[in-house]
PDBML (XML) file of the C-alpha atoms, coordinates in Angstrom:
<?xml version="1.0" encoding="UTF-8" ?>
<PDBx:datablock datablockName="MODEL"
   xmlns:PDBx="http://pdbml.pdb.org/schema/pdbx-v50.xsd"
   xmlns:xsi="http://www.w3.org/2001/XMLSchema-instance"
   xsi:schemaLocation="http://pdbml.pdb.org/schema/pdbx-v50.xsd pdbx-v50.xsd">
   <PDBx:atom_siteCategory>
      <PDBx:atom_site id="1">
         <PDBx:B_iso_or_equiv>0.00</PDBx:B_iso_or_equiv>
         <PDBx:Cartn_x>-15.612</PDBx:Cartn_x>
         <PDBx:Cartn_y>2.601</PDBx:Cartn_y>
         <PDBx:Cartn_z>-4.153</PDBx:Cartn_z>
         <PDBx:auth_asym_id>A</PDBx:auth_asym_id>
         <PDBx:auth_atom_id>CA</PDBx:auth_atom_id>
         <PDBx:auth_comp_id>ASP</PDBx:auth_comp_id>
         <PDBx:auth_seq_id>1</PDBx:auth_seq_id>
         <PDBx:group_PDB>ATOM</PDBx:group_PDB>
         <PDBx:label_alt_id xsi:nil="true" />
         <PDBx:label_asym_id>A</PDBx:label_asym_id>
         <PDBx:label_atom_id>CA</PDBx:label_atom_id>
         <PDBx:label_comp_id>ASP</PDBx:label_comp_id>
         <PDBx:label_entity_id>1</PDBx:label_entity_id>
         <PDBx:label_seq_id>1</PDBx:label_seq_id>
         <PDBx:occupancy>1.00</PDBx:occupancy>
         <PDBx:pdbx_PDB_model_num>1</PDBx:pdbx_PDB_model_num>
         <PDBx:type_symbol>C</PDBx:type_symbol>
      </PDBx:atom_site>
      <PDBx:atom_site id="2">
         <PDBx:B_iso_or_equiv>0.00</PDBx:B_iso_or_equiv>
         <PDBx:Cartn_x>-13.891</PDBx:Cartn_x>
         <PDBx:Cartn_y>1.946</PDBx:Cartn_y>
         <PDBx:Cartn_z>-7.440</PDBx:Cartn_z>
         <PDBx:auth_asym_id>A</PDBx:auth_asym_id>
         <PDBx:auth_atom_id>CA</PDBx:auth_atom_id>
         <PDBx:auth_comp_id>THR</PDBx:auth_comp_id>
         <PDBx:auth_seq_id>2</PDBx:auth_seq_id>
         <PDBx:group_PDB>ATOM</PDBx:group_PDB>
         <PDBx:label_alt_id xsi:nil="true" />
         <PDBx:label_asym_id>A</PDBx:label_asym_id>
         <PDBx:label_atom_id>CA</PDBx:label_atom_id>
         <PDBx:label_comp_id>THR</PDBx:label_comp_id>
         <PDBx:label_entity_id>1</PDBx:label_entity_id>
         <PDBx:label_seq_id>2</PDBx:label_seq_id>
         <PDBx:occupancy>1.00</PDBx:occupancy>
         <PDBx:pdbx_PDB_model_num>1</PDBx:pdbx_PDB_model_num>
         <PDBx:type_symbol>C</PDBx:type_symbol>
      </PDBx:atom_site>
      <PDBx:atom_site id="3">
         <PDBx:B_iso_or_equiv>0.00</PDBx:B_iso_or_equiv>
         <PDBx:Cartn_x>-11.305</PDBx:Cartn_x>
         <PDBx:Cartn_y>-0.468</PDBx:Cartn_y>
         <PDBx:Cartn_z>-8.783</PDBx:Cartn_z>
         <PDBx:auth_asym_id>A</PDBx:auth_asym_id>
         <PDBx:auth_atom_id>CA</PDBx:auth_atom_id>
         <PDBx:auth_comp_id>GLY</PDBx:auth_comp_id>
         <PDBx:auth_seq_id>3</PDBx:auth_seq_id>
         <PDBx:group_PDB>ATOM</PDBx:group_PDB>
         <PDBx:label_alt_id xsi:nil="true" />
         <PDBx:label_asym_id>A</PDBx:label_asym_id>
         <PDBx:label_atom_id>CA</PDBx:label_atom_id>
         <PDBx:label_comp_id>GLY</PDBx:label_comp_id>
         <PDBx:label_entity_id>1</PDBx:label_entity_id>
         <PDBx:label_seq_id>3</PDBx:label_seq_id>
         <PDBx:occupancy>1.00</PDBx:occupancy>
         <PDBx:pdbx_PDB_model_num>1</PDBx:pdbx_PDB_model_num>
         <PDBx:type_symbol>C</PDBx:type_symbol>
      </PDBx:atom_site>
      <PDBx:atom_site id="4">
         <PDBx:B_iso_or_equiv>0.00</PDBx:B_iso_or_equiv>
         <PDBx:Cartn_x>-8.659</PDBx:Cartn_x>
         <PDBx:Cartn_y>2.289</PDBx:Cartn_y>
         <PDBx:Cartn_z>-8.881</PDBx:Cartn_z>
         <PDBx:auth_asym_id>A</PDBx:auth_asym_id>
         <PDBx:auth_atom_id>CA</PDBx:auth_atom_id>
         <PDBx:auth_comp_id>THR</PDBx:auth_comp_id>
         <PDBx:auth_seq_id>4</PDBx:auth_seq_id>
         <PDBx:group_PDB>ATOM</PDBx:group_PDB>
         <PDBx:label_alt_id xsi:nil="true" />
         <PDBx:label_asym_id>A</PDBx:label_asym_id>
         <PDBx:label_atom_id>CA</PDBx:label_atom_id>
         <PDBx:label_comp_id>THR</PDBx:label_comp_id>
         <PDBx:label_entity_id>1</PDBx:label_entity_id>
         <PDBx:label_seq_id>4</PDBx:label_seq_id>
         <PDBx:occupancy>1.00</PDBx:occupancy>
         <PDBx:pdbx_PDB_model_num>1</PDBx:pdbx_PDB_model_num>
         <PDBx:type_symbol>C</PDBx:type_symbol>
      </PDBx:atom_site>
      <PDBx:atom_site id="5">
         <PDBx:B_iso_or_equiv>0.00</PDBx:B_iso_or_equiv>
         <PDBx:Cartn_x>-9.371</PDBx:Cartn_x>
         <PDBx:Cartn_y>3.143</PDBx:Cartn_y>
         <PDBx:Cartn_z>-5.260</PDBx:Cartn_z>
         <PDBx:auth_asym_id>A</PDBx:auth_asym_id>
         <PDBx:auth_atom_id>CA</PDBx:auth_atom_id>
         <PDBx:auth_comp_id>ALA</PDBx:auth_comp_id>
         <PDBx:auth_seq_id>5</PDBx:auth_seq_id>
         <PDBx:group_PDB>ATOM</PDBx:group_PDB>
         <PDBx:label_alt_id xsi:nil="true" />
         <PDBx:label_asym_id>A</PDBx:label_asym_id>
         <PDBx:label_atom_id>CA</PDBx:label_atom_id>
         <PDBx:label_comp_id>ALA</PDBx:label_comp_id>
         <PDBx:label_entity_id>1</PDBx:label_entity_id>
         <PDBx:label_seq_id>5</PDBx:label_seq_id>
         <PDBx:occupancy>1.00</PDBx:occupancy>
         <PDBx:pdbx_PDB_model_num>1</PDBx:pdbx_PDB_model_num>
         <PDBx:type_symbol>C</PDBx:type_symbol>
      </PDBx:atom_site>
      <PDBx:atom_site id="6">
         <PDBx:B_iso_or_equiv>0.00</PDBx:B_iso_or_equiv>
         <PDBx:Cartn_x>-8.750</PDBx:Cartn_x>
         <PDBx:Cartn_y>-0.494</PDBx:Cartn_y>
         <PDBx:Cartn_z>-4.346</PDBx:Cartn_z>
         <PDBx:auth_asym_id>A</PDBx:auth_asym_id>
         <PDBx:auth_atom_id>CA</PDBx:auth_atom_id>
         <PDBx:auth_comp_id>GLN</PDBx:auth_comp_id>
         <PDBx:auth_seq_id>6</PDBx:auth_seq_id>
         <PDBx:group_PDB>ATOM</PDBx:group_PDB>
         <PDBx:label_alt_id xsi:nil="true" />
         <PDBx:label_asym_id>A</PDBx:label_asym_id>
         <PDBx:label_atom_id>CA</PDBx:label_atom_id>
         <PDBx:label_comp_id>GLN</PDBx:label_comp_id>
         <PDBx:label_entity_id>1</PDBx:label_entity_id>
         <PDBx:label_seq_id>6</PDBx:label_seq_id>
         <PDBx:occupancy>1.00</PDBx:occupancy>
         <PDBx:pdbx_PDB_model_num>1</PDBx:pdbx_PDB_model_num>
         <PDBx:type_symbol>C</PDBx:type_symbol>
      </PDBx:atom_site>
      <PDBx:atom_site id="7">
         <PDBx:B_iso_or_equiv>0.00</PDBx:B_iso_or_equiv>
         <PDBx:Cartn_x>-5.511</PDBx:Cartn_x>
         <PDBx:Cartn_y>-0.503</PDBx:Cartn_y>
         <PDBx:Cartn_z>-6.338</PDBx:Cartn_z>
         <PDBx:auth_asym_id>A</PDBx:auth_asym_id>
         <PDBx:auth_atom_id>CA</PDBx:auth_atom_id>
         <PDBx:auth_comp_id>LEU</PDBx:auth_comp_id>
         <PDBx:auth_seq_id>7</PDBx:auth_seq_id>
         <PDBx:group_PDB>ATOM</PDBx:group_PDB>
         <PDBx:label_alt_id xsi:nil="true" />
         <PDBx:label_asym_id>A</PDBx:label_asym_id>
         <PDBx:label_atom_id>CA</PDBx:label_atom_id>
         <PDBx:label_comp_id>LEU</PDBx:label_comp_id>
         <PDBx:label_entity_id>1</PDBx:label_entity_id>
         <PDBx:label_seq_id>7</PDBx:label_seq_id>
         <PDBx:occupancy>1.00</PDBx:occupancy>
         <PDBx:pdbx_PDB_model_num>1</PDBx:pdbx_PDB_model_num>
         <PDBx:type_symbol>C</PDBx:type_symbol>
      </PDBx:atom_site>
      <PDBx:atom_site id="8">
         <PDBx:B_iso_or_equiv>0.00</PDBx:B_iso_or_equiv>
         <PDBx:Cartn_x>-4.333</PDBx:Cartn_x>
         <PDBx:Cartn_y>2.594</PDBx:Cartn_y>
         <PDBx:Cartn_z>-4.455</PDBx:Cartn_z>
         <PDBx:auth_asym_id>A</PDBx:auth_asym_id>
         <PDBx:auth_atom_id>CA</PDBx:auth_atom_id>
         <PDBx:auth_comp_id>SER</PDBx:auth_comp_id>
         <PDBx:auth_seq_id>8</PDBx:auth_seq_id>
         <PDBx:group_PDB>ATOM</PDBx:group_PDB>
         <PDBx:label_alt_id xsi:nil="true" />
         <PDBx:label_asym_id>A</PDBx:label_asym_id>
         <PDBx:label_atom_id>CA</PDBx:label_atom_id>
         <PDBx:label_comp_id>SER</PDBx:label_comp_id>
         <PDBx:label_entity_id>1</PDBx:label_entity_id>
         <PDBx:label_seq_id>8</PDBx:label_seq_id>
         <PDBx:occupancy>1.00</PDBx:occupancy>
         <PDBx:pdbx_PDB_model_num>1</PDBx:pdbx_PDB_model_num>
         <PDBx:type_symbol>C</PDBx:type_symbol>
      </PDBx:atom_site>
      <PDBx:atom_site id="9">
         <PDBx:B_iso_or_equiv>0.00</PDBx:B_iso_or_equiv>
         <PDBx:Cartn_x>-4.471</PDBx:Cartn_x>
         <PDBx:Cartn_y>0.727</PDBx:Cartn_y>
         <PDBx:Cartn_z>-1.128</PDBx:Cartn_z>
         <PDBx:auth_asym_id>A</PDBx:auth_asym_id>
         <PDBx:auth_atom_id>CA</PDBx:auth_atom_id>
         <PDBx:auth_comp_id>HIS</PDBx:auth_comp_id>
         <PDBx:auth_seq_id>9</PDBx:auth_seq_id>
         <PDBx:group_PDB>ATOM</PDBx:group_PDB>
         <PDBx:label_alt_id xsi:nil="true" />
         <PDBx:label_asym_id>A</PDBx:label_asym_id>
         <PDBx:label_atom_id>CA</PDBx:label_atom_id>
         <PDBx:label_comp_id>HIS</PDBx:label_comp_id>
         <PDBx:label_entity_id>1</PDBx:label_entity_id>
         <PDBx:label_seq_id>9</PDBx:label_seq_id>
         <PDBx:occupancy>1.00</PDBx:occupancy>
         <PDBx:pdbx_PDB_model_num>1</PDBx:pdbx_PDB_model_num>
         <PDBx:type_symbol>C</PDBx:type_symbol>
      </PDBx:atom_site>
      <PDBx:atom_site id="10">
         <PDBx:B_iso_or_equiv>0.00</PDBx:B_iso_or_equiv>
         <PDBx:Cartn_x>-2.106</PDBx:Cartn_x>
         <PDBx:Cartn_y>-2.027</PDBx:Cartn_y>
         <PDBx:Cartn_z>-2.332</PDBx:Cartn_z>
         <PDBx:auth_asym_id>A</PDBx:auth_asym_id>
         <PDBx:auth_atom_id>CA</PDBx:auth_atom_id>
         <PDBx:auth_comp_id>MET</PDBx:auth_comp_id>
         <PDBx:auth_seq_id>10</PDBx:auth_seq_id>
         <PDBx:group_PDB>ATOM</PDBx:group_PDB>
         <PDBx:label_alt_id xsi:nil="true" />
         <PDBx:label_asym_id>A</PDBx:label_asym_id>
         <PDBx:label_atom_id>CA</PDBx:label_atom_id>
         <PDBx:label_comp_id>MET</PDBx:label_comp_id>
         <PDBx:label_entity_id>1</PDBx:label_entity_id>
         <PDBx:label_seq_id>10</PDBx:label_seq_id>
         <PDBx:occupancy>1.00</PDBx:occupancy>
         <PDBx:pdbx_PDB_model_num>1</PDBx:pdbx_PDB_model_num>
         <PDBx:type_symbol>C</PDBx:type_symbol>
      </PDBx:atom_site>
      <PDBx:atom_site id="11">
         <PDBx:B_iso_or_equiv>0.00</PDBx:B_iso_or_equiv>
         <PDBx:Cartn_x>1.569</PDBx:Cartn_x>
         <PDBx:Cartn_y>-2.011</PDBx:Cartn_y>
         <PDBx:Cartn_z>-1.391</PDBx:Cartn_z>
         <PDBx:auth_asym_id>A</PDBx:auth_asym_id>
         <PDBx:auth_atom_id>CA</PDBx:auth_atom_id>
         <PDBx:auth_comp_id>LYS</PDBx:auth_comp_id>
         <PDBx:auth_seq_id>11</PDBx:auth_seq_id>
         <PDBx:group_PDB>ATOM</PDBx:group_PDB>
         <PDBx:label_alt_id xsi:nil="true" />
         <PDBx:label_asym_id>A</PDBx:label_asym_id>
         <PDBx:label_atom_id>CA</PDBx:label_atom_id>
         <PDBx:label_comp_id>LYS</PDBx:label_comp_id>
         <PDBx:label_entity_id>1</PDBx:label_entity_id>
         <PDBx:label_seq_id>11</PDBx:label_seq_id>
         <PDBx:occupancy>1.00</PDBx:occupancy>
         <PDBx:pdbx_PDB_model_num>1</PDBx:pdbx_PDB_model_num>
         <PDBx:type_symbol>C</PDBx:type_symbol>
      </PDBx:atom_site>
      <PDBx:atom_site id="12">
         <PDBx:B_iso_or_equiv>0.00</PDBx:B_iso_or_equiv>
         <PDBx:Cartn_x>4.902</PDBx:Cartn_x>
         <PDBx:Cartn_y>-3.592</PDBx:Cartn_y>
         <PDBx:Cartn_z>-2.209</PDBx:Cartn_z>
         <PDBx:auth_asym_id>A</PDBx:auth_asym_id>
         <PDBx:auth_atom_id>CA</PDBx:auth_atom_id>
         <PDBx:auth_comp_id>ALA</PDBx:auth_comp_id>
         <PDBx:auth_seq_id>12</PDBx:auth_seq_id>
         <PDBx:group_PDB>ATOM</PDBx:group_PDB>
         <PDBx:label_alt_id xsi:nil="true" />
         <PDBx:label_asym_id>A</PDBx:label_asym_id>
         <PDBx:label_atom_id>CA</PDBx:label_atom_id>
         <PDBx:label_comp_id>ALA</PDBx:label_comp_id>
         <PDBx:label_entity_id>1</PDBx:label_entity_id>
         <PDBx:label_seq_id>12</PDBx:label_seq_id>
         <PDBx:occupancy>1.00</PDBx:occupancy>
         <PDBx:pdbx_PDB_model_num>1</PDBx:pdbx_PDB_model_num>
         <PDBx:type_symbol>C</PDBx:type_symbol>
      </PDBx:atom_site>
      <PDBx:atom_site id="13">
         <PDBx:B_iso_or_equiv>0.00</PDBx:B_iso_or_equiv>
         <PDBx:Cartn_x>4.774</PDBx:Cartn_x>
         <PDBx:Cartn_y>-7.333</PDBx:Cartn_y>
         <PDBx:Cartn_z>-1.699</PDBx:Cartn_z>
         <PDBx:auth_asym_id>A</PDBx:auth_asym_id>
         <PDBx:auth_atom_id>CA</PDBx:auth_atom_id>
         <PDBx:auth_comp_id>GLY</PDBx:auth_comp_id>
         <PDBx:auth_seq_id>13</PDBx:auth_seq_id>
         <PDBx:group_PDB>ATOM</PDBx:group_PDB>
         <PDBx:label_alt_id xsi:nil="true" />
         <PDBx:label_asym_id>A</PDBx:label_asym_id>
         <PDBx:label_atom_id>CA</PDBx:label_atom_id>
         <PDBx:label_comp_id>GLY</PDBx:label_comp_id>
         <PDBx:label_entity_id>1</PDBx:label_entity_id>
         <PDBx:label_seq_id>13</PDBx:label_seq_id>
         <PDBx:occupancy>1.00</PDBx:occupancy>
         <PDBx:pdbx_PDB_model_num>1</PDBx:pdbx_PDB_model_num>
         <PDBx:type_symbol>C</PDBx:type_symbol>
      </PDBx:atom_site>
      <PDBx:atom_site id="14">
         <PDBx:B_iso_or_equiv>0.00</PDBx:B_iso_or_equiv>
         <PDBx:Cartn_x>1.109</PDBx:Cartn_x>
         <PDBx:Cartn_y>-7.631</PDBx:Cartn_y>
         <PDBx:Cartn_z>-2.663</PDBx:Cartn_z>
         <PDBx:auth_asym_id>A</PDBx:auth_asym_id>
         <PDBx:auth_atom_id>CA</PDBx:auth_atom_id>
         <PDBx:auth_comp_id>ASP</PDBx:auth_comp_id>
         <PDBx:auth_seq_id>14</PDBx:auth_seq_id>
         <PDBx:group_PDB>ATOM</PDBx:group_PDB>
         <PDBx:label_alt_id xsi:nil="true" />
         <PDBx:label_asym_id>A</PDBx:label_asym_id>
         <PDBx:label_atom_id>CA</PDBx:label_atom_id>
         <PDBx:label_comp_id>ASP</PDBx:label_comp_id>
         <PDBx:label_entity_id>1</PDBx:label_entity_id>
         <PDBx:label_seq_id>14</PDBx:label_seq_id>
         <PDBx:occupancy>1.00</PDBx:occupancy>
         <PDBx:pdbx_PDB_model_num>1</PDBx:pdbx_PDB_model_num>
         <PDBx:type_symbol>C</PDBx:type_symbol>
      </PDBx:atom_site>
      <PDBx:atom_site id="15">
         <PDBx:B_iso_or_equiv>0.00</PDBx:B_iso_or_equiv>
         <PDBx:Cartn_x>0.185</PDBx:Cartn_x>
         <PDBx:Cartn_y>-9.231</PDBx:Cartn_y>
         <PDBx:Cartn_z>-5.987</PDBx:Cartn_z>
         <PDBx:auth_asym_id>A</PDBx:auth_asym_id>
         <PDBx:auth_atom_id>CA</PDBx:auth_atom_id>
         <PDBx:auth_comp_id>SER</PDBx:auth_comp_id>
         <PDBx:auth_seq_id>15</PDBx:auth_seq_id>
         <PDBx:group_PDB>ATOM</PDBx:group_PDB>
         <PDBx:label_alt_id xsi:nil="true" />
         <PDBx:label_asym_id>A</PDBx:label_asym_id>
         <PDBx:label_atom_id>CA</PDBx:label_atom_id>
         <PDBx:label_comp_id>SER</PDBx:label_comp_id>
         <PDBx:label_entity_id>1</PDBx:label_entity_id>
         <PDBx:label_seq_id>15</PDBx:label_seq_id>
         <PDBx:occupancy>1.00</PDBx:occupancy>
         <PDBx:pdbx_PDB_model_num>1</PDBx:pdbx_PDB_model_num>
         <PDBx:type_symbol>C</PDBx:type_symbol>
      </PDBx:atom_site>
      <PDBx:atom_site id="16">
         <PDBx:B_iso_or_equiv>0.00</PDBx:B_iso_or_equiv>
         <PDBx:Cartn_x>-2.493</PDBx:Cartn_x>
         <PDBx:Cartn_y>-8.736</PDBx:Cartn_y>
         <PDBx:Cartn_z>-8.605</PDBx:Cartn_z>
         <PDBx:auth_asym_id>A</PDBx:auth_asym_id>
         <PDBx:auth_atom_id>CA</PDBx:auth_atom_id>
         <PDBx:auth_comp_id>LEU</PDBx:auth_comp_id>
         <PDBx:auth_seq_id>16</PDBx:auth_seq_id>
         <PDBx:group_PDB>ATOM</PDBx:group_PDB>
         <PDBx:label_alt_id xsi:nil="true" />
         <PDBx:label_asym_id>A</PDBx:label_asym_id>
         <PDBx:label_atom_id>CA</PDBx:label_atom_id>
         <PDBx:label_comp_id>LEU</PDBx:label_comp_id>
         <PDBx:label_entity_id>1</PDBx:label_entity_id>
         <PDBx:label_seq_id>16</PDBx:label_seq_id>
         <PDBx:occupancy>1.00</PDBx:occupancy>
         <PDBx:pdbx_PDB_model_num>1</PDBx:pdbx_PDB_model_num>
         <PDBx:type_symbol>C</PDBx:type_symbol>
      </PDBx:atom_site>
      <PDBx:atom_site id="17">
         <PDBx:B_iso_or_equiv>0.00</PDBx:B_iso_or_equiv>
         <PDBx:Cartn_x>-3.495</PDBx:Cartn_x>
         <PDBx:Cartn_y>-10.089</PDBx:Cartn_y>
         <PDBx:Cartn_z>-12.010</PDBx:Cartn_z>
         <PDBx:auth_asym_id>A</PDBx:auth_asym_id>
         <PDBx:auth_atom_id>CA</PDBx:auth_atom_id>
         <PDBx:auth_comp_id>SER</PDBx:auth_comp_id>
         <PDBx:auth_seq_id>17</PDBx:auth_seq_id>
         <PDBx:group_PDB>ATOM</PDBx:group_PDB>
         <PDBx:label_alt_id xsi:nil="true" />
         <PDBx:label_asym_id>A</PDBx:label_asym_id>
         <PDBx:label_atom_id>CA</PDBx:label_atom_id>
         <PDBx:label_comp_id>SER</PDBx:label_comp_id>
         <PDBx:label_entity_id>1</PDBx:label_entity_id>
         <PDBx:label_seq_id>17</PDBx:label_seq_id>
         <PDBx:occupancy>1.00</PDBx:occupancy>
         <PDBx:pdbx_PDB_model_num>1</PDBx:pdbx_PDB_model_num>
         <PDBx:type_symbol>C</PDBx:type_symbol>
      </PDBx:atom_site>
      <PDBx:atom_site id="18">
         <PDBx:B_iso_or_equiv>0.00</PDBx:B_iso_or_equiv>
         <PDBx:Cartn_x>-2.785</PDBx:Cartn_x>
         <PDBx:Cartn_y>-8.281</PDBx:Cartn_y>
         <PDBx:Cartn_z>-15.274</PDBx:Cartn_z>
         <PDBx:auth_asym_id>A</PDBx:auth_asym_id>
         <PDBx:auth_atom_id>CA</PDBx:auth_atom_id>
         <PDBx:auth_comp_id>VAL</PDBx:auth_comp_id>
         <PDBx:auth_seq_id>18</PDBx:auth_seq_id>
         <PDBx:group_PDB>ATOM</PDBx:group_PDB>
         <PDBx:label_alt_id xsi:nil="true" />
         <PDBx:label_asym_id>A</PDBx:label_asym_id>
         <PDBx:label_atom_id>CA</PDBx:label_atom_id>
         <PDBx:label_comp_id>VAL</PDBx:label_comp_id>
         <PDBx:label_entity_id>1</PDBx:label_entity_id>
         <PDBx:label_seq_id>18</PDBx:label_seq_id>
         <PDBx:occupancy>1.00</PDBx:occupancy>
         <PDBx:pdbx_PDB_model_num>1</PDBx:pdbx_PDB_model_num>
         <PDBx:type_symbol>C</PDBx:type_symbol>
      </PDBx:atom_site>
      <PDBx:atom_site id="19">
         <PDBx:B_iso_or_equiv>0.00</PDBx:B_iso_or_equiv>
         <PDBx:Cartn_x>-3.007</PDBx:Cartn_x>
         <PDBx:Cartn_y>-8.832</PDBx:Cartn_y>
         <PDBx:Cartn_z>-19.019</PDBx:Cartn_z>
         <PDBx:auth_asym_id>A</PDBx:auth_asym_id>
         <PDBx:auth_atom_id>CA</PDBx:auth_atom_id>
         <PDBx:auth_comp_id>ILE</PDBx:auth_comp_id>
         <PDBx:auth_seq_id>19</PDBx:auth_seq_id>
         <PDBx:group_PDB>ATOM</PDBx:group_PDB>
         <PDBx:label_alt_id xsi:nil="true" />
         <PDBx:label_asym_id>A</PDBx:label_asym_id>
         <PDBx:label_atom_id>CA</PDBx:label_atom_id>
         <PDBx:label_comp_id>ILE</PDBx:label_comp_id>
         <PDBx:label_entity_id>1</PDBx:label_entity_id>
         <PDBx:label_seq_id>19</PDBx:label_seq_id>
         <PDBx:occupancy>1.00</PDBx:occupancy>
         <PDBx:pdbx_PDB_model_num>1</PDBx:pdbx_PDB_model_num>
         <PDBx:type_symbol>C</PDBx:type_symbol>
      </PDBx:atom_site>
      <PDBx:atom_site id="20">
         <PDBx:B_iso_or_equiv>0.00</PDBx:B_iso_or_equiv>
         <PDBx:Cartn_x>-0.658</PDBx:Cartn_x>
         <PDBx:Cartn_y>-7.002</PDBx:Cartn_y>
         <PDBx:Cartn_z>-21.319</PDBx:Cartn_z>
         <PDBx:auth_asym_id>A</PDBx:auth_asym_id>
         <PDBx:auth_atom_id>CA</PDBx:auth_atom_id>
         <PDBx:auth_comp_id>GLY</PDBx:auth_comp_id>
         <PDBx:auth_seq_id>20</PDBx:auth_seq_id>
         <PDBx:group_PDB>ATOM</PDBx:group_PDB>
         <PDBx:label_alt_id xsi:nil="true" />
         <PDBx:label_asym_id>A</PDBx:label_asym_id>
         <PDBx:label_atom_id>CA</PDBx:label_atom_id>
         <PDBx:label_comp_id>GLY</PDBx:label_comp_id>
         <PDBx:label_entity_id>1</PDBx:label_entity_id>
         <PDBx:label_seq_id>20</PDBx:label_seq_id>
         <PDBx:occupancy>1.00</PDBx:occupancy>
         <PDBx:pdbx_PDB_model_num>1</PDBx:pdbx_PDB_model_num>
         <PDBx:type_symbol>C</PDBx:type_symbol>
      </PDBx:atom_site>
      <PDBx:atom_site id="21">
         <PDBx:B_iso_or_equiv>0.00</PDBx:B_iso_or_equiv>
         <PDBx:Cartn_x>0.773</PDBx:Cartn_x>
         <PDBx:Cartn_y>-5.233</PDBx:Cartn_y>
         <PDBx:Cartn_z>-23.074</PDBx:Cartn_z>
         <PDBx:auth_asym_id>A</PDBx:auth_asym_id>
         <PDBx:auth_atom_id>CA</PDBx:auth_atom_id>
         <PDBx:auth_comp_id>PRO</PDBx:auth_comp_id>
         <PDBx:auth_seq_id>21</PDBx:auth_seq_id>
         <PDBx:group_PDB>ATOM</PDBx:group_PDB>
         <PDBx:label_alt_id xsi:nil="true" />
         <PDBx:label_asym_id>A</PDBx:label_asym_id>
         <PDBx:label_atom_id>CA</PDBx:label_atom_id>
         <PDBx:label_comp_id>PRO</PDBx:label_comp_id>
         <PDBx:label_entity_id>1</PDBx:label_entity_id>
         <PDBx:label_seq_id>21</PDBx:label_seq_id>
         <PDBx:occupancy>1.00</PDBx:occupancy>
         <PDBx:pdbx_PDB_model_num>1</PDBx:pdbx_PDB_model_num>
         <PDBx:type_symbol>C</PDBx:type_symbol>
      </PDBx:atom_site>
      <PDBx:atom_site id="22">
         <PDBx:B_iso_or_equiv>0.00</PDBx:B_iso_or_equiv>
         <PDBx:Cartn_x>-2.436</PDBx:Cartn_x>
         <PDBx:Cartn_y>-4.558</PDBx:Cartn_y>
         <PDBx:Cartn_z>-25.016</PDBx:Cartn_z>
         <PDBx:auth_asym_id>A</PDBx:auth_asym_id>
         <PDBx:auth_atom_id>CA</PDBx:auth_atom_id>
         <PDBx:auth_comp_id>LEU</PDBx:auth_comp_id>
         <PDBx:auth_seq_id>22</PDBx:auth_seq_id>
         <PDBx:group_PDB>ATOM</PDBx:group_PDB>
         <PDBx:label_alt_id xsi:nil="true" />
         <PDBx:label_asym_id>A</PDBx:label_asym_id>
         <PDBx:label_atom_id>CA</PDBx:label_atom_id>
         <PDBx:label_comp_id>LEU</PDBx:label_comp_id>
         <PDBx:label_entity_id>1</PDBx:label_entity_id>
         <PDBx:label_seq_id>22</PDBx:label_seq_id>
         <PDBx:occupancy>1.00</PDBx:occupancy>
         <PDBx:pdbx_PDB_model_num>1</PDBx:pdbx_PDB_model_num>
         <PDBx:type_symbol>C</PDBx:type_symbol>
      </PDBx:atom_site>
      <PDBx:atom_site id="23">
         <PDBx:B_iso_or_equiv>0.00</PDBx:B_iso_or_equiv>
         <PDBx:Cartn_x>-3.348</PDBx:Cartn_x>
         <PDBx:Cartn_y>-2.294</PDBx:Cartn_y>
         <PDBx:Cartn_z>-27.912</PDBx:Cartn_z>
         <PDBx:auth_asym_id>A</PDBx:auth_asym_id>
         <PDBx:auth_atom_id>CA</PDBx:auth_atom_id>
         <PDBx:auth_comp_id>GLY</PDBx:auth_comp_id>
         <PDBx:auth_seq_id>23</PDBx:auth_seq_id>
         <PDBx:group_PDB>ATOM</PDBx:group_PDB>
         <PDBx:label_alt_id xsi:nil="true" />
         <PDBx:label_asym_id>A</PDBx:label_asym_id>
         <PDBx:label_atom_id>CA</PDBx:label_atom_id>
         <PDBx:label_comp_id>GLY</PDBx:label_comp_id>
         <PDBx:label_entity_id>1</PDBx:label_entity_id>
         <PDBx:label_seq_id>23</PDBx:label_seq_id>
         <PDBx:occupancy>1.00</PDBx:occupancy>
         <PDBx:pdbx_PDB_model_num>1</PDBx:pdbx_PDB_model_num>
         <PDBx:type_symbol>C</PDBx:type_symbol>
      </PDBx:atom_site>
      <PDBx:atom_site id="24">
         <PDBx:B_iso_or_equiv>0.00</PDBx:B_iso_or_equiv>
         <PDBx:Cartn_x>-1.140</PDBx:Cartn_x>
         <PDBx:Cartn_y>-0.663</PDBx:Cartn_y>
         <PDBx:Cartn_z>-30.512</PDBx:Cartn_z>
         <PDBx:auth_asym_id>A</PDBx:auth_asym_id>
         <PDBx:auth_atom_id>CA</PDBx:auth_atom_id>
         <PDBx:auth_comp_id>ASN</PDBx:auth_comp_id>
         <PDBx:auth_seq_id>24</PDBx:auth_seq_id>
         <PDBx:group_PDB>ATOM</PDBx:group_PDB>
         <PDBx:label_alt_id xsi:nil="true" />
         <PDBx:label_asym_id>A</PDBx:label_asym_id>
         <PDBx:label_atom_id>CA</PDBx:label_atom_id>
         <PDBx:label_comp_id>ASN</PDBx:label_comp_id>
         <PDBx:label_entity_id>1</PDBx:label_entity_id>
         <PDBx:label_seq_id>24</PDBx:label_seq_id>
         <PDBx:occupancy>1.00</PDBx:occupancy>
         <PDBx:pdbx_PDB_model_num>1</PDBx:pdbx_PDB_model_num>
         <PDBx:type_symbol>C</PDBx:type_symbol>
      </PDBx:atom_site>
      <PDBx:atom_site id="25">
         <PDBx:B_iso_or_equiv>0.00</PDBx:B_iso_or_equiv>
         <PDBx:Cartn_x>1.450</PDBx:Cartn_x>
         <PDBx:Cartn_y>1.878</PDBx:Cartn_y>
         <PDBx:Cartn_z>-29.529</PDBx:Cartn_z>
         <PDBx:auth_asym_id>A</PDBx:auth_asym_id>
         <PDBx:auth_atom_id>CA</PDBx:auth_atom_id>
         <PDBx:auth_comp_id>GLY</PDBx:auth_comp_id>
         <PDBx:auth_seq_id>25</PDBx:auth_seq_id>
         <PDBx:group_PDB>ATOM</PDBx:group_PDB>
         <PDBx:label_alt_id xsi:nil="true" />
         <PDBx:label_asym_id>A</PDBx:label_asym_id>
         <PDBx:label_atom_id>CA</PDBx:label_atom_id>
         <PDBx:label_comp_id>GLY</PDBx:label_comp_id>
         <PDBx:label_entity_id>1</PDBx:label_entity_id>
         <PDBx:label_seq_id>25</PDBx:label_seq_id>
         <PDBx:occupancy>1.00</PDBx:occupancy>
         <PDBx:pdbx_PDB_model_num>1</PDBx:pdbx_PDB_model_num>
         <PDBx:type_symbol>C</PDBx:type_symbol>
      </PDBx:atom_site>
   </PDBx:atom_siteCategory>
</PDBx:datablock>
């Protein structure tokens, strides 16, 4: 029951929100 578990159930054609790129490489 975690965020990554929810992400793993998503598929091509779905959408989500992101911020990035973040940090220093």
